[in-house]
Each structure stands twice: as C-alpha cells, then as structure tokens.
Amino acid sequence: MPPPPNPQRGQQSSVNLQMAEQELDMITNLFNNILDSCHKKCIQTNYSEGDLNKGEQVCIDRCVAKYFDVNTKVGLQLQKMEKVTAKK
C-alpha cells in the first residue's frame, strides 16, 4: 500500500521549484548582462568577418573573466554583510 500523501512534501516541492526558477532567472540575467557588456566593449559594430578576430577573442575572454571575478567578489561581500546583520 502506498504511503499517504504528505501536504508538506508538496509545499516543499513548490518552494524548491520557485527557488530553481529564481536561480535560472538570475543566471539568465547574468548571462545577458555579460553578453551585452562584453559585446559593446569588444566587438566593433561594423562587422567585416563572420568570426571573431584574435583581438576580439582575447578581449571577450578577459571581459568575461573580469565579470565573473567581480560577480564572485560582490556575492562574497553580500554574504559577509548578511552574516553581520544576522548576528545583530
């Protein structure tokens, strides 16, 4: 005989789904911000080739690396601030 339905389990699944959707939205926004920022900075508007040239590739690699580095540092700083606030 199957176990009886557990309403708390359904609520937890709903919360997990909402959290996953929020995380997906955050990742999508991060990707779009990186794309916009690095594209404007590294790729000229007058395209002469279908592929990125060496300079554009290097610029994009550096831009993305810097973006992730700053994003990580900001996230860590926010976590520290949350811990300090929670202790008060």
PDB file of N, CA and C in Angstrom:
ATOM      1  N   MET A   1       0.844  -1.172   0.000  1.00  0.00           N
ATOM      2  CA  MET A   1       0.000   0.000   0.000  1.00  0.00           C
ATOM      3  C   MET A   1       0.898   1.247   0.000  1.00  0.00           C
ATOM      4  N   PRO A   2       0.638   2.233  -0.883  1.00  0.00           N
ATOM      5  CA  PRO A   2       1.473   3.440  -0.942  1.00  0.00           C
ATOM      6  C   PRO A   2       1.273   4.300   0.307  1.00  0.00           C
ATOM      7  N   PRO A   3       2.314   5.078   0.645  1.00  0.00           N
ATOM      8  CA  PRO A   3       2.178   5.946   1.824  1.00  0.00           C
ATOM      9  C   PRO A   3       1.149   7.045   1.564  1.00  0.00           C
ATOM     10  N   PRO A   4       0.527   7.539   2.631  1.00  0.00           N
ATOM     11  CA  PRO A   4      -0.475   8.600   2.443  1.00  0.00           C
ATOM     12  C   PRO A   4       0.193   9.874   1.927  1.00  0.00           C
ATOM     13  N   PRO A   5      -0.555  10.678   1.194  1.00  0.00           N
ATOM     14  CA  PRO A   5       0.017  11.926   0.678  1.00  0.00           C
ATOM     15  C   PRO A   5       0.461  12.833   1.828  1.00  0.00           C
ATOM     16  N   ASN A   6       1.551  13.507   1.606  1.00  0.00           N
ATOM     17  CA  ASN A   6       2.101  14.399   2.617  1.00  0.00           C
ATOM     18  C   ASN A   6       2.010  15.829   2.089  1.00  0.00           C
ATOM     19  N   PRO A   7       1.116  16.662   2.664  1.00  0.00           N
ATOM     20  CA  PRO A   7       0.963  18.027   2.144  1.00  0.00           C
ATOM     21  C   PRO A   7       2.233  18.862   2.286  1.00  0.00           C
ATOM     22  N   GLN A   8       3.017  18.615   3.327  1.00  0.00           N
ATOM     23  CA  GLN A   8       4.259  19.372   3.498  1.00  0.00           C
ATOM     24  C   GLN A   8       5.244  19.057   2.381  1.00  0.00           C
ATOM     25  N   ARG A   9       5.224  17.824   1.926  1.00  0.00           N
ATOM     26  CA  ARG A   9       6.121  17.433   0.835  1.00  0.00           C
ATOM     27  C   ARG A   9       5.783  18.202  -0.438  1.00  0.00           C
ATOM     28  N   GLY A  10       4.502  18.373  -0.709  1.00  0.00           N
ATOM     29  CA  GLY A  10       4.067  19.138  -1.874  1.00  0.00           C
ATOM     30  C   GLY A  10       4.455  20.598  -1.768  1.00  0.00           C
ATOM     31  N   GLN A  11       4.338  21.151  -0.562  1.00  0.00           N
ATOM     32  CA  GLN A  11       4.732  22.540  -0.345  1.00  0.00           C
ATOM     33  C   GLN A  11       6.231  22.705  -0.546  1.00  0.00           C
ATOM     34  N   GLN A  12       7.008  21.733  -0.049  1.00  0.00           N
ATOM     35  CA  GLN A  12       8.460  21.800  -0.201  1.00  0.00           C
ATOM     36  C   GLN A  12       8.843  21.711  -1.674  1.00  0.00           C
ATOM     37  N   SER A  13       8.154  20.862  -2.424  1.00  0.00           N
ATOM     38  CA  SER A  13       8.423  20.757  -3.859  1.00  0.00           C
ATOM     39  C   SER A  13       8.129  22.080  -4.561  1.00  0.00           C
ATOM     40  N   SER A  14       7.053  22.731  -4.149  1.00  0.00           N
ATOM     41  CA  SER A  14       6.695  24.021  -4.731  1.00  0.00           C
ATOM     42  C   SER A  14       7.755  25.075  -4.417  1.00  0.00           C
ATOM     43  N   VAL A  15       8.244  25.082  -3.180  1.00  0.00           N
ATOM     44  CA  VAL A  15       9.294  26.022  -2.782  1.00  0.00           C
ATOM     45  C   VAL A  15      10.565  25.738  -3.571  1.00  0.00           C
ATOM     46  N   ASN A  16      10.925  24.462  -3.701  1.00  0.00           N
ATOM     47  CA  ASN A  16      12.123  24.094  -4.464  1.00  0.00           C
ATOM     48  C   ASN A  16      12.004  24.527  -5.917  1.00  0.00           C
ATOM     49  N   LEU A  17      10.826  24.377  -6.483  1.00  0.00           N
ATOM     50  CA  LEU A  17      10.602  24.785  -7.868  1.00  0.00           C
ATOM     51  C   LEU A  17      10.740  26.301  -8.010  1.00  0.00           C
ATOM     52  N   GLN A  18      10.181  27.050  -7.065  1.00  0.00           N
ATOM     53  CA  GLN A  18      10.303  28.510  -7.102  1.00  0.00           C
ATOM     54  C   GLN A  18      11.762  28.938  -6.987  1.00  0.00           C
ATOM     55  N   MET A  19      12.504  28.290  -6.103  1.00  0.00           N
ATOM     56  CA  MET A  19      13.917  28.625  -5.934  1.00  0.00           C
ATOM     57  C   MET A  19      14.701  28.316  -7.202  1.00  0.00           C
ATOM     58  N   ALA A  20      14.395  27.186  -7.837  1.00  0.00           N
ATOM     59  CA  ALA A  20      15.078  26.820  -9.080  1.00  0.00           C
ATOM     60  C   ALA A  20      14.760  27.828 -10.183  1.00  0.00           C
ATOM     61  N   GLU A  21      13.512  28.273 -10.243  1.00  0.00           N
ATOM     62  CA  GLU A  21      13.128  29.268 -11.248  1.00  0.00           C
ATOM     63  C   GLU A  21      13.839  30.598 -11.002  1.00  0.00           C
ATOM     64  N   GLN A  22      13.941  31.005  -9.736  1.00  0.00           N
ATOM     65  CA  GLN A  22      14.649  32.243  -9.409  1.00  0.00           C
ATOM     66  C   GLN A  22      16.123  32.137  -9.777  1.00  0.00           C
ATOM     67  N   GLU A  23      16.716  30.984  -9.494  1.00  0.00           N
ATOM     68  CA  GLU A  23      18.127  30.792  -9.833  1.00  0.00           C
ATOM     69  C   GLU A  23      18.328  30.832 -11.344  1.00  0.00           C
ATOM     70  N   LEU A  24      17.432  30.213 -12.078  1.00  0.00           N
ATOM     71  CA  LEU A  24      17.513  30.243 -13.541  1.00  0.00           C
ATOM     72  C   LEU A  24      17.386  31.676 -14.057  1.00  0.00           C
ATOM     73  N   ASP A  25      16.469  32.444 -13.480  1.00  0.00           N
ATOM     74  CA  ASP A  25      16.325  33.855 -13.872  1.00  0.00           C
ATOM     75  C   ASP A  25      17.603  34.637 -13.587  1.00  0.00           C
ATOM     76  N   MET A  26      18.204  34.407 -12.423  1.00  0.00           N
ATOM     77  CA  MET A  26      19.435  35.117 -12.072  1.00  0.00           C
ATOM     78  C   MET A  26      20.568  34.758 -13.024  1.00  0.00           C
ATOM     79  N   ILE A  27      20.690  33.485 -13.363  1.00  0.00           N
ATOM     80  CA  ILE A  27      21.748  33.048 -14.272  1.00  0.00           C
ATOM     81  C   ILE A  27      21.509  33.615 -15.670  1.00  0.00           C
ATOM     82  N   THR A  28      20.261  33.614 -16.099  1.00  0.00           N
ATOM     83  CA  THR A  28      19.923  34.173 -17.409  1.00  0.00           C
ATOM     84  C   THR A  28      20.245  35.664 -17.453  1.00  0.00           C
ATOM     85  N   ASN A  29      19.902  36.385 -16.389  1.00  0.00           N
ATOM     86  CA  ASN A  29      20.221  37.818 -16.327  1.00  0.00           C
ATOM     87  C   ASN A  29      21.724  38.047 -16.333  1.00  0.00           C
ATOM     88  N   LEU A  30      22.462  37.236 -15.584  1.00  0.00           N
ATOM     89  CA  LEU A  30      23.920  37.357 -15.559  1.00  0.00           C
ATOM     90  C   LEU A  30      24.487  37.141 -16.961  1.00  0.00           C
ATOM     91  N   PHE A  31      24.034  36.092 -17.632  1.00  0.00           N
ATOM     92  CA  PHE A  31      24.499  35.801 -18.984  1.00  0.00           C
ATOM     93  C   PHE A  31      24.204  36.970 -19.925  1.00  0.00           C
ATOM     94  N   ASN A  32      22.972  37.482 -19.861  1.00  0.00           N
ATOM     95  CA  ASN A  32      22.597  38.591 -20.747  1.00  0.00           C
ATOM     96  C   ASN A  32      23.401  39.852 -20.448  1.00  0.00           C
ATOM     97  N   ASN A  33      23.659  40.116 -19.171  1.00  0.00           N
ATOM     98  CA  ASN A  33      24.474  41.283 -18.810  1.00  0.00           C
ATOM     99  C   ASN A  33      25.901  41.143 -19.325  1.00  0.00           C
ATOM    100  N   ILE A  34      26.466  39.953 -19.176  1.00  0.00           N
ATOM    101  CA  ILE A  34      27.817  39.704 -19.690  1.00  0.00           C
ATOM    102  C   ILE A  34      27.829  39.871 -21.203  1.00  0.00           C
ATOM    103  N   LEU A  35      26.859  39.280 -21.855  1.00  0.00           N
ATOM    104  CA  LEU A  35      26.773  39.354 -23.315  1.00  0.00           C
ATOM    105  C   LEU A  35      26.702  40.805 -23.780  1.00  0.00           C
ATOM    106  N   ASP A  36      25.806  41.572 -23.187  1.00  0.00           N
ATOM    107  CA  ASP A  36      25.661  42.980 -23.584  1.00  0.00           C
ATOM    108  C   ASP A  36      26.933  43.773 -23.314  1.00  0.00           C
ATOM    109  N   SER A  37      27.444  43.647 -22.105  1.00  0.00           N
ATOM    110  CA  SER A  37      28.607  44.440 -21.708  1.00  0.00           C
ATOM    111  C   SER A  37      29.840  44.106 -22.546  1.00  0.00           C
ATOM    112  N   CYS A  38      30.150  42.833 -22.663  1.00  0.00           N
ATOM    113  CA  CYS A  38      31.362  42.428 -23.379  1.00  0.00           C
ATOM    114  C   CYS A  38      31.220  42.629 -24.886  1.00  0.00           C
ATOM    115  N   HIS A  39      30.020  42.475 -25.411  1.00  0.00           N
ATOM    116  CA  HIS A  39      29.811  42.708 -26.841  1.00  0.00           C
ATOM    117  C   HIS A  39      30.060  44.173 -27.173  1.00  0.00           C
ATOM    118  N   LYS A  40      29.496  45.067 -26.355  1.00  0.00           N
ATOM    119  CA  LYS A  40      29.694  46.502 -26.597  1.00  0.00           C
ATOM    120  C   LYS A  40      31.159  46.892 -26.469  1.00  0.00           C
ATOM    121  N   LYS A  41      31.844  46.290 -25.517  1.00  0.00           N
ATOM    122  CA  LYS A  41      33.229  46.660 -25.250  1.00  0.00           C
ATOM    123  C   LYS A  41      34.200  46.081 -26.281  1.00  0.00           C
ATOM    124  N   CYS A  42      33.949  44.871 -26.755  1.00  0.00           N
ATOM    125  CA  CYS A  42      34.969  44.127 -27.508  1.00  0.00           C
ATOM    126  C   CYS A  42      34.711  43.981 -29.003  1.00  0.00           C
ATOM    127  N   ILE A  43      33.490  44.134 -29.446  1.00  0.00           N
ATOM    128  CA  ILE A  43      33.178  43.852 -30.850  1.00  0.00           C
ATOM    129  C   ILE A  43      32.706  45.127 -31.530  1.00  0.00           C
ATOM    130  N   GLN A  44      33.386  45.483 -32.594  1.00  0.00           N
ATOM    131  CA  GLN A  44      33.017  46.684 -33.338  1.00  0.00           C
ATOM    132  C   GLN A  44      31.689  46.471 -34.052  1.00  0.00           C
ATOM    133  N   THR A  45      30.999  47.567 -34.288  1.00  0.00           N
ATOM    134  CA  THR A  45      29.678  47.464 -34.918  1.00  0.00           C
ATOM    135  C   THR A  45      29.746  47.223 -36.419  1.00  0.00           C
ATOM    136  N   ASN A  46      30.870  47.523 -37.039  1.00  0.00           N
ATOM    137  CA  ASN A  46      30.995  47.269 -38.483  1.00  0.00           C
ATOM    138  C   ASN A  46      31.685  45.910 -38.685  1.00  0.00           C
ATOM    139  N   TYR A  47      30.853  44.891 -38.794  1.00  0.00           N
ATOM    140  CA  TYR A  47      31.365  43.536 -38.959  1.00  0.00           C
ATOM    141  C   TYR A  47      31.982  43.369 -40.340  1.00  0.00           C
ATOM    142  N   SER A  48      33.208  42.866 -40.377  1.00  0.00           N
ATOM    143  CA  SER A  48      33.838  42.614 -41.667  1.00  0.00           C
ATOM    144  C   SER A  48      34.070  41.121 -41.880  1.00  0.00           C
ATOM    145  N   GLU A  49      33.953  40.339 -40.806  1.00  0.00           N
ATOM    146  CA  GLU A  49      34.156  38.893 -40.893  1.00  0.00           C
ATOM    147  C   GLU A  49      33.049  38.188 -40.121  1.00  0.00           C
ATOM    148  N   GLY A  50      32.827  36.946 -40.470  1.00  0.00           N
ATOM    149  CA  GLY A  50      31.821  36.158 -39.764  1.00  0.00           C
ATOM    150  C   GLY A  50      32.290  35.662 -38.412  1.00  0.00           C
ATOM    151  N   ASP A  51      33.594  35.519 -38.251  1.00  0.00           N
ATOM    152  CA  ASP A  51      34.165  35.022 -36.999  1.00  0.00           C
ATOM    153  C   ASP A  51      34.835  36.158 -36.240  1.00  0.00           C
ATOM    154  N   LEU A  52      35.033  35.920 -34.949  1.00  0.00           N
ATOM    155  CA  LEU A  52      35.772  36.899 -34.148  1.00  0.00           C
ATOM    156  C   LEU A  52      37.236  36.879 -34.542  1.00  0.00           C
ATOM    157  N   ASN A  53      37.853  38.049 -34.570  1.00  0.00           N
ATOM    158  CA  ASN A  53      39.293  38.063 -34.812  1.00  0.00           C
ATOM    159  C   ASN A  53      40.014  37.824 -33.483  1.00  0.00           C
ATOM    160  N   LYS A  54      41.310  37.679 -33.537  1.00  0.00           N
ATOM    161  CA  LYS A  54      42.094  37.333 -32.348  1.00  0.00           C
ATOM    162  C   LYS A  54      41.929  38.374 -31.238  1.00  0.00           C
ATOM    163  N   GLY A  55      41.979  39.647 -31.593  1.00  0.00           N
ATOM    164  CA  GLY A  55      41.825  40.709 -30.601  1.00  0.00           C
ATOM    165  C   GLY A  55      40.469  40.668 -29.914  1.00  0.00           C
ATOM    166  N   GLU A  56      39.420  40.415 -30.685  1.00  0.00           N
ATOM    167  CA  GLU A  56      38.074  40.322 -30.115  1.00  0.00           C
ATOM    168  C   GLU A  56      37.961  39.120 -29.185  1.00  0.00           C
ATOM    169  N   GLN A  57      38.551  38.000 -29.587  1.00  0.00           N
ATOM    170  CA  GLN A  57      38.518  36.800 -28.748  1.00  0.00           C
ATOM    171  C   GLN A  57      39.194  37.041 -27.404  1.00  0.00           C
ATOM    172  N   VAL A  58      40.371  37.647 -27.447  1.00  0.00           N
ATOM    173  CA  VAL A  58      41.119  37.926 -26.219  1.00  0.00           C
ATOM    174  C   VAL A  58      40.332  38.900 -25.344  1.00  0.00           C
ATOM    175  N   CYS A  59      39.782  39.933 -25.954  1.00  0.00           N
ATOM    176  CA  CYS A  59      39.008  40.926 -25.218  1.00  0.00           C
ATOM    177  C   CYS A  59      37.803  40.276 -24.532  1.00  0.00           C
ATOM    178  N   ILE A  60      37.092  39.437 -25.253  1.00  0.00           N
ATOM    179  CA  ILE A  60      35.916  38.775 -24.683  1.00  0.00           C
ATOM    180  C   ILE A  60      36.325  37.832 -23.555  1.00  0.00           C
ATOM    181  N   ASP A  61      37.399  37.065 -23.750  1.00  0.00           N
ATOM    182  CA  ASP A  61      37.879  36.179 -22.682  1.00  0.00           C
ATOM    183  C   ASP A  61      38.176  36.969 -21.410  1.00  0.00           C
ATOM    184  N   ARG A  62      38.872  38.073 -21.554  1.00  0.00           N
ATOM    185  CA  ARG A  62      39.226  38.899 -20.389  1.00  0.00           C
ATOM    186  C   ARG A  62      37.990  39.542 -19.771  1.00  0.00           C
ATOM    187  N   CYS A  63      37.110  40.026 -20.612  1.00  0.00           N
ATOM    188  CA  CYS A  63      35.898  40.684 -20.134  1.00  0.00           C
ATOM    189  C   CYS A  63      35.041  39.715 -19.318  1.00  0.00           C
ATOM    190  N   VAL A  64      34.832  38.522 -19.844  1.00  0.00           N
ATOM    191  CA  VAL A  64      34.018  37.524 -19.143  1.00  0.00           C
ATOM    192  C   VAL A  64      34.693  37.120 -17.831  1.00  0.00           C
ATOM    193  N   ALA A  65      36.003  36.913 -17.862  1.00  0.00           N
ATOM    194  CA  ALA A  65      36.729  36.540 -16.644  1.00  0.00           C
ATOM    195  C   ALA A  65      36.602  37.634 -15.584  1.00  0.00           C
ATOM    196  N   LYS A  66      36.746  38.885 -15.988  1.00  0.00           N
ATOM    197  CA  LYS A  66      36.618  40.002 -15.040  1.00  0.00           C
ATOM    198  C   LYS A  66      35.197  40.094 -14.500  1.00  0.00           C
ATOM    199  N   TYR A  67      34.227  39.890 -15.366  1.00  0.00           N
ATOM    200  CA  TYR A  67      32.828  39.977 -14.949  1.00  0.00           C
ATOM    201  C   TYR A  67      32.536  38.924 -13.886  1.00  0.00           C
ATOM    202  N   PHE A  68      32.987  37.680 -14.129  1.00  0.00           N
ATOM    203  CA  PHE A  68      32.767  36.613 -13.151  1.00  0.00           C
ATOM    204  C   PHE A  68      33.532  36.881 -11.862  1.00  0.00           C
ATOM    205  N   ASP A  69      34.743  37.403 -11.974  1.00  0.00           N
ATOM    206  CA  ASP A  69      35.541  37.708 -10.794  1.00  0.00           C
ATOM    207  C   ASP A  69      34.837  38.748  -9.925  1.00  0.00           C
ATOM    208  N   VAL A  70      34.378  39.810 -10.539  1.00  0.00           N
ATOM    209  CA  VAL A  70      33.680  40.857  -9.793  1.00  0.00           C
ATOM    210  C   VAL A  70      32.375  40.322  -9.217  1.00  0.00           C
ATOM    211  N   ASN A  71      31.646  39.547  -9.996  1.00  0.00           N
ATOM    212  CA  ASN A  71      30.387  38.981  -9.528  1.00  0.00           C
ATOM    213  C   ASN A  71      30.620  38.104  -8.303  1.00  0.00           C
ATOM    214  N   THR A  72      31.675  37.299  -8.325  1.00  0.00           N
ATOM    215  CA  THR A  72      32.011  36.439  -7.188  1.00  0.00           C
ATOM    216  C   THR A  72      32.368  37.275  -5.969  1.00  0.00           C
ATOM    217  N   LYS A  73      33.180  38.300  -6.161  1.00  0.00           N
ATOM    218  CA  LYS A  73      33.578  39.163  -5.043  1.00  0.00           C
ATOM    219  C   LYS A  73      32.377  39.877  -4.435  1.00  0.00           C
ATOM    220  N   VAL A  74      31.491  40.366  -5.261  1.00  0.00           N
ATOM    221  CA  VAL A  74      30.291  41.038  -4.758  1.00  0.00           C
ATOM    222  C   VAL A  74      29.423  40.048  -3.984  1.00  0.00           C
ATOM    223  N   GLY A  75      29.261  38.845  -4.515  1.00  0.00           N
ATOM    224  CA  GLY A  75      28.476  37.824  -3.826  1.00  0.00           C
ATOM    225  C   GLY A  75      29.050  37.481  -2.465  1.00  0.00           C
ATOM    226  N   LEU A  76      30.368  37.331  -2.384  1.00  0.00           N
ATOM    227  CA  LEU A  76      31.013  37.032  -1.106  1.00  0.00           C
ATOM    228  C   LEU A  76      30.837  38.184  -0.125  1.00  0.00           C
ATOM    229  N   GLN A  77      30.968  39.396  -0.601  1.00  0.00           N
ATOM    230  CA  GLN A  77      30.793  40.567   0.270  1.00  0.00           C
ATOM    231  C   GLN A  77      29.360  40.641   0.795  1.00  0.00           C
ATOM    232  N   LEU A  78      28.389  40.354  -0.053  1.00  0.00           N
ATOM    233  CA  LEU A  78      26.995  40.361   0.380  1.00  0.00           C
ATOM    234  C   LEU A  78      26.742  39.290   1.431  1.00  0.00           C
ATOM    235  N   GLN A  79      27.362  38.112   1.270  1.00  0.00           N
ATOM    236  CA  GLN A  79      27.219  37.054   2.266  1.00  0.00           C
ATOM    237  C   GLN A  79      27.791  37.492   3.608  1.00  0.00           C
ATOM    238  N   LYS A  80      28.949  38.143   3.583  1.00  0.00           N
ATOM    239  CA  LYS A  80      29.549  38.645   4.824  1.00  0.00           C
ATOM    240  C   LYS A  80      28.628  39.656   5.494  1.00  0.00           C
ATOM    241  N   MET A  81      28.065  40.546   4.698  1.00  0.00           N
ATOM    242  CA  MET A  81      27.170  41.565   5.247  1.00  0.00           C
ATOM    243  C   MET A  81      25.917  40.930   5.846  1.00  0.00           C
ATOM    244  N   GLU A  82      25.394  39.889   5.201  1.00  0.00           N
ATOM    245  CA  GLU A  82      24.222  39.192   5.727  1.00  0.00           C
ATOM    246  C   GLU A  82      24.536  38.543   7.065  1.00  0.00           C
ATOM    247  N   LYS A  83      25.727  37.938   7.191  1.00  0.00           N
ATOM    248  CA  LYS A  83      26.115  37.301   8.451  1.00  0.00           C
ATOM    249  C   LYS A  83      26.224  38.327   9.569  1.00  0.00           C
ATOM    250  N   VAL A  84      26.812  39.472   9.267  1.00  0.00           N
ATOM    251  CA  VAL A  84      26.947  40.532  10.272  1.00  0.00           C
ATOM    252  C   VAL A  84      25.567  41.032  10.686  1.00  0.00           C
ATOM    253  N   THR A  85      24.693  41.219   9.720  1.00  0.00           N
ATOM    254  CA  THR A  85      23.341  41.695  10.004  1.00  0.00           C
ATOM    255  C   THR A  85      22.566  40.663  10.812  1.00  0.00           C
ATOM    256  N   ALA A  86      22.742  39.386  10.502  1.00  0.00           N
ATOM    257  CA  ALA A  86      22.025  38.325  11.210  1.00  0.00           C
ATOM    258  C   ALA A  86      22.474  38.217  12.663  1.00  0.00           C
ATOM    259  N   LYS A  87      23.719  38.542  12.952  1.00  0.00           N
ATOM    260  CA  LYS A  87      24.234  38.457  14.321  1.00  0.00           C
ATOM    261  C   LYS A  87      23.668  39.555  15.212  1.00  0.00           C
ATOM    262  N   LYS A  88      23.242  40.652  14.615  1.00  0.00           N
ATOM    263  CA  LYS A  88      22.735  41.790  15.401  1.00  0.00           C
ATOM    264  C   LYS A  88      21.338  41.576  15.878  1.00  0.00           C
TER     265      LYS A  88
END
